[in-house]
C-alpha atoms as a PDB file:
ATOM      1  CA  MET A   1     184.165 104.458-103.698  1.00  0.00           C
ATOM      2  CA  SER A   2     181.167 102.302-104.423  1.00  0.00           C
ATOM      3  CA  ASP A   3     178.249 101.118-102.112  1.00  0.00           C
ATOM      4  CA  LEU A   4     180.321  98.370-102.864  1.00  0.00           C
ATOM      5  CA  THR A   5     183.052  98.491-100.700  1.00  0.00           C
ATOM      6  CA  GLU A   6     181.001  99.517 -97.697  1.00  0.00           C
ATOM      7  CA  THR A   7     179.414  95.970 -98.165  1.00  0.00           C
ATOM      8  CA  THR A   8     180.187  92.609 -96.922  1.00  0.00           C
ATOM      9  CA  CYS A   9     179.658  89.191 -98.285  1.00  0.00           C
ATOM     10  CA  ALA A  10     176.874  86.581 -97.448  1.00  0.00           C
ATOM     11  CA  PRO A  11     177.726  83.361 -96.464  1.00  0.00           C
ATOM     12  CA  CYS A  12     177.076  81.428 -99.437  1.00  0.00           C
ATOM     13  CA  GLU A  13     174.839  78.314 -98.998  1.00  0.00           C
ATOM     14  CA  GLY A  14     174.753  76.961-102.417  1.00  0.00           C
ATOM     15  CA  PHE A  15     171.483  78.065-104.026  1.00  0.00           C
ATOM     16  CA  GLY A  16     170.468  81.388-104.961  1.00  0.00           C
ATOM     17  CA  ALA A  17     168.461  83.157-107.769  1.00  0.00           C
ATOM     18  CA  ALA A  18     170.444  84.379-110.558  1.00  0.00           C
ATOM     19  CA  LEU A  19     170.541  88.413-111.070  1.00  0.00           C
ATOM     20  CA  THR A  20     168.360  90.128-113.141  1.00  0.00           C
ATOM     21  CA  ASP A  21     170.135  91.765-116.245  1.00  0.00           C
ATOM     22  CA  ALA A  22     169.496  95.366-114.293  1.00  0.00           C
ATOM     23  CA  ALA A  23     171.231  94.191-111.172  1.00  0.00           C
ATOM     24  CA  LEU A  24     174.299  93.042-113.181  1.00  0.00           C
ATOM     25  CA  ALA A  25     174.430  96.190-114.631  1.00  0.00           C
ATOM     26  CA  GLN A  26     173.989  98.120-111.889  1.00  0.00           C
ATOM     27  CA  PHE A  27     176.609  95.698-109.810  1.00  0.00           C
ATOM     28  CA  LYS A  28     178.899  96.468-112.953  1.00  0.00           C
ATOM     29  CA  SER A  29     178.435  99.965-112.622  1.00  0.00           C
ATOM     30  CA  GLN A  30     180.460  99.955-109.377  1.00  0.00           C
ATOM     31  CA  ILE A  31     183.272  98.197-110.269  1.00  0.00           C
ATOM     32  CA  SER A  32     186.627  99.105-112.403  1.00  0.00           C
ATOM     33  CA  PRO A  33     185.665  98.764-116.552  1.00  0.00           C
ATOM     34  CA  GLU A  34     189.059  96.766-116.278  1.00  0.00           C
ATOM     35  CA  TRP A  35     186.659  94.092-114.912  1.00  0.00           C
ATOM     36  CA  GLU A  36     185.812  91.930-117.457  1.00  0.00           C
ATOM     37  CA  MET A  37     182.196  90.135-117.376  1.00  0.00           C
ATOM     38  CA  ASP A  38     181.777  86.818-118.666  1.00  0.00           C
ATOM     39  CA  LEU A  39     178.064  85.705-118.493  1.00  0.00           C
ATOM     40  CA  GLU A  40     178.826  82.292-120.400  1.00  0.00           C
ATOM     41  CA  THR A  41     181.269  81.205-117.302  1.00  0.00           C
ATOM     42  CA  GLN A  42     179.312  83.458-114.922  1.00  0.00           C
ATOM     43  CA  SER A  43     182.479  85.361-113.862  1.00  0.00           C
ATOM     44  CA  LEU A  44     184.355  88.380-113.294  1.00  0.00           C
ATOM     45  CA  THR A  45     187.831  88.499-114.320  1.00  0.00           C
ATOM     46  CA  ARG A  46     190.319  91.263-114.213  1.00  0.00           C
ATOM     47  CA  LYS A  47     194.615  91.200-115.244  1.00  0.00           C
ATOM     48  CA  PHE A  48     196.778  93.571-113.860  1.00  0.00           C
ATOM     49  CA  THR A  49     199.848  93.964-115.740  1.00  0.00           C
ATOM     50  CA  PHE A  50     203.210  94.982-114.431  1.00  0.00           C
ATOM     51  CA  LYS A  51     207.093  95.392-115.365  1.00  0.00           C
ATOM     52  CA  ALA A  52     208.533  92.563-112.628  1.00  0.00           C
ATOM     53  CA  PHE A  53     207.772  89.700-110.583  1.00  0.00           C
ATOM     54  CA  ALA A  54     207.297  91.265-107.080  1.00  0.00           C
ATOM     55  CA  LYS A  55     204.527  93.542-107.817  1.00  0.00           C
ATOM     56  CA  ALA A  56     202.398  90.783-109.340  1.00  0.00           C
ATOM     57  CA  VAL A  57     203.278  88.694-106.014  1.00  0.00           C
ATOM     58  CA  TYR A  58     202.105  91.491-103.685  1.00  0.00           C
ATOM     59  CA  THR A  59     199.078  91.610-105.879  1.00  0.00           C
ATOM     60  CA  ALA A  60     198.243  88.367-105.817  1.00  0.00           C
ATOM     61  CA  ASN A  61     198.796  88.347-101.473  1.00  0.00           C
ATOM     62  CA  LEU A  62     196.507  91.622-101.445  1.00  0.00           C
ATOM     63  CA  VAL A  63     193.459  90.036-103.207  1.00  0.00           C
ATOM     64  CA  ALA A  64     194.274  86.775-101.677  1.00  0.00           C
ATOM     65  CA  TYR A  65     193.983  89.168 -97.965  1.00  0.00           C
ATOM     66  CA  ILE A  66     190.982  90.901 -99.229  1.00  0.00           C
ATOM     67  CA  CYS A  67     189.068  87.111-100.033  1.00  0.00           C
ATOM     68  CA  ASP A  68     190.009  85.677 -96.984  1.00  0.00           C
ATOM     69  CA  LYS A  69     188.409  88.385 -94.962  1.00  0.00           C
ATOM     70  CA  GLU A  70     185.078  88.570 -97.288  1.00  0.00           C
ATOM     71  CA  GLY A  71     184.783  84.452 -96.999  1.00  0.00           C
ATOM     72  CA  HIS A  72     184.442  84.527-100.807  1.00  0.00           C
ATOM     73  CA  HIS A  73     187.474  83.662-102.561  1.00  0.00           C
ATOM     74  CA  ALA A  74     188.618  83.936-106.032  1.00  0.00           C
ATOM     75  CA  ASP A  75     190.844  82.168-108.298  1.00  0.00           C
ATOM     76  CA  ILE A  76     194.521  84.400-108.737  1.00  0.00           C
ATOM     77  CA  SER A  77     196.974  83.392-111.060  1.00  0.00           C
ATOM     78  CA  PHE A  78     200.220  85.425-111.265  1.00  0.00           C
ATOM     79  CA  GLY A  79     203.595  85.190-112.946  1.00  0.00           C
ATOM     80  CA  TRP A  80     206.037  87.891-114.401  1.00  0.00           C
ATOM     81  CA  GLY A  81     204.104  91.129-115.200  1.00  0.00           C
ATOM     82  CA  TYR A  82     200.709  89.675-114.549  1.00  0.00           C
ATOM     83  CA  CYS A  83     198.297  88.821-111.947  1.00  0.00           C
ATOM     84  CA  THR A  84     194.984  87.322-113.128  1.00  0.00           C
ATOM     85  CA  VAL A  85     192.068  87.560-110.913  1.00  0.00           C
ATOM     86  CA  VAL A  86     188.399  85.722-111.273  1.00  0.00           C
ATOM     87  CA  PHE A  87     185.171  85.776-109.187  1.00  0.00           C
ATOM     88  CA  THR A  88     182.606  83.532-109.521  1.00  0.00           C
ATOM     89  CA  SER A  89     180.534  81.832-106.814  1.00  0.00           C
ATOM     90  CA  HIS A  90     181.325  78.319-107.418  1.00  0.00           C
ATOM     91  CA  GLU A  91     178.619  77.102-105.066  1.00  0.00           C
ATOM     92  CA  LEU A  92     176.024  78.665-107.462  1.00  0.00           C
ATOM     93  CA  GLY A  93     177.434  78.687-110.691  1.00  0.00           C
ATOM     94  CA  LEU A  94     176.361  82.090-111.518  1.00  0.00           C
ATOM     95  CA  LEU A  95     177.244  85.667-110.273  1.00  0.00           C
ATOM     96  CA  SER A  96     176.669  86.638-107.102  1.00  0.00           C
ATOM     97  CA  GLU A  97     176.755  90.362-105.525  1.00  0.00           C
ATOM     98  CA  ASN A  98     179.480  88.762-103.580  1.00  0.00           C
ATOM     99  CA  ASP A  99     181.424  88.624-106.750  1.00  0.00           C
ATOM    100  CA  PHE A 100     180.836  92.373-107.169  1.00  0.00           C
ATOM    101  CA  ILE A 101     181.743  93.267-103.314  1.00  0.00           C
ATOM    102  CA  CYS A 102     185.039  91.930-103.641  1.00  0.00           C
ATOM    103  CA  ALA A 103     186.024  93.316-107.166  1.00  0.00           C
ATOM    104  CA  ALA A 104     184.748  96.864-105.553  1.00  0.00           C
ATOM    105  CA  LYS A 105     187.508  95.842-102.572  1.00  0.00           C
ATOM    106  CA  VAL A 106     189.986  95.062-105.039  1.00  0.00           C
ATOM    107  CA  ASP A 107     189.484  98.133-106.924  1.00  0.00           C
ATOM    108  CA  ALA A 108     189.874 100.415-104.137  1.00  0.00           C
ATOM    109  CA  ALA A 109     192.681  98.197-102.768  1.00  0.00           C
ATOM    110  CA  ILE A 110     195.048  98.559-105.538  1.00  0.00           C
END
């Protein structure tokens, strides 16, 4: 488990400085390499694949629960055999520590 899993998300108030390259690299190293970081869209994305529909639904519900508990909400899409989770700090238009905290907590739960 990374240190991020023991941290809680800070309330987002719509302002904040961009994370430095060093901070992004440090946070990225603490989550699964299956998360794709896109600096153009300022997002973290992970696609989970399954052999059926129910596991995709269960995963979407688990991610939704984690996000609700943290107060930092992902974009979640799912269907037969997949669940895609995208974290971004909508109010900031930037990646934030909250995105990485939630990604780490999803990693720990799945």
